[in-house]
Protein backbone atom coordinates (compact mmCIF):
# COMPACT_ATOMS: atom_id res chain seq x y z
CA MET A 1 85.06 107.46 82.45
CA ASP A 2 86.78 110.04 84.43
CA LEU A 3 88.97 109.48 87.39
CA GLN A 4 86.07 110.14 89.98
CA ASP A 5 84.05 107.47 88.21
CA PHE A 6 87.15 105.21 88.23
CA ARG A 7 87.59 105.72 91.92
CA ARG A 8 83.82 105.04 92.74
CA SER A 9 84.22 101.83 90.48
CA ILE A 10 86.85 100.52 93.26
CA LEU A 11 83.87 100.04 95.44
CA GLU A 12 82.19 97.53 93.04
CA ALA A 13 82.68 93.82 92.95
CA GLN A 14 83.82 93.74 89.40
CA PRO A 15 85.68 96.18 87.21
CA PRO A 16 83.67 98.20 84.93
CA GLU A 17 82.84 96.50 81.74
CA GLY A 18 85.20 97.19 78.84
CA SER A 19 88.06 98.40 81.17
CA SER A 20 91.47 97.89 79.92
CA LEU A 21 93.74 95.31 81.79
CA ALA A 22 95.74 98.01 82.90
CA LEU A 23 93.08 99.92 84.52
CA GLN A 24 91.78 96.70 86.07
CA ALA A 25 95.13 96.27 87.45
CA LEU A 26 95.14 99.70 89.17
CA ARG A 27 91.57 98.99 90.35
CA TRP A 28 92.69 95.68 91.99
CA ASP A 29 95.57 97.43 93.67
CA ALA A 30 93.55 99.93 94.98
CA ARG A 31 91.25 97.20 96.49
CA GLY A 32 94.28 95.79 98.21
CA ASP A 33 94.65 92.76 95.99
CA TRP A 34 98.25 93.11 94.73
CA HIS A 35 98.18 89.50 93.29
CA LYS A 36 95.22 90.09 91.08
CA ALA A 37 96.70 93.39 90.19
CA HIS A 38 99.85 91.84 89.10
CA ASP A 39 98.05 89.16 87.20
CA CYS A 40 96.31 91.78 85.16
CA ALA A 41 99.24 93.96 84.45
CA GLN A 42 101.17 91.12 83.22
CA ALA A 43 98.52 89.80 81.23
CA ARG A 44 99.28 92.13 78.35
CA GLU A 45 102.60 93.40 77.72
CA ASP A 46 101.96 96.62 76.13
CA ALA A 47 103.17 100.17 77.24
CA ALA A 48 100.24 100.66 79.72
CA GLY A 49 100.51 97.29 81.35
CA ASN A 50 104.21 97.58 81.71
CA HIS A 51 103.83 100.91 83.48
CA VAL A 52 101.44 99.59 85.87
CA HIS A 53 103.47 96.44 86.33
CA ALA A 54 106.53 98.69 87.24
CA TYR A 55 104.38 100.68 89.78
CA LEU A 56 103.18 97.35 91.34
CA HIS A 57 106.88 96.15 91.66
CA ARG A 58 107.76 99.68 93.14
CA LYS A 59 104.92 99.30 95.68
CA GLU A 60 106.13 95.88 96.67
CA GLY A 61 109.63 97.17 97.28
CA ASP A 62 111.30 95.36 94.30
CA ILE A 63 113.10 98.41 92.95
CA GLY A 64 115.36 96.28 90.62
CA ASN A 65 112.33 94.63 88.90
CA ALA A 66 110.47 97.83 88.99
CA GLY A 67 113.36 99.59 86.97
CA TYR A 68 113.11 96.76 84.30
CA TRP A 69 109.49 97.43 83.81
CA TYR A 70 109.74 101.22 83.74
CA ARG A 71 112.33 100.76 80.73
CA ARG A 72 109.82 98.30 79.01
CA ALA A 73 107.19 100.92 79.31
CA GLY A 74 109.43 103.67 78.08
CA LYS A 75 109.03 105.65 81.17
CA PRO A 76 111.44 107.08 83.79
CA ALA A 77 111.42 105.52 87.33
CA ALA A 78 109.12 107.28 89.46
CA SER A 79 110.37 108.78 92.81
CA GLY A 80 107.28 110.47 94.11
CA SER A 81 104.58 108.99 96.36
CA LEU A 82 102.86 105.77 95.33
CA ASP A 83 99.56 107.61 95.54
CA ALA A 84 100.61 110.20 93.26
CA GLU A 85 102.05 107.81 90.77
CA TRP A 86 98.85 105.68 91.03
CA GLN A 87 96.65 108.86 90.12
CA ALA A 88 98.99 109.85 87.44
CA ILE A 89 98.61 106.46 85.68
CA ALA A 90 95.07 106.42 86.12
CA GLU A 91 94.62 109.85 84.49
CA ALA A 92 96.76 108.87 81.60
CA LEU A 93 94.96 105.73 80.97
CA LEU A 94 91.46 107.46 81.30
CA GLY A 95 92.81 110.01 78.74
């Protein structure tokens, strides 16, 4: 799946079969369901989930908590737009 396919999947009721929890989190976020996105991001504490978790807390405005999750993900804290960060994470996860 590429970024264009992933963006199209946002319109579907459910995530694509076999998508990672981190991708599911980004997808739920794009659909406006921050809580479902957060549940997916924290369901698996790996680098990808931690990175999405950081992004979600940054989006929420909880910068201190976001910083914790960026450190857990081994990533520098983002400072650009939320849209650009969402896309960069999605592209990285999609490979």
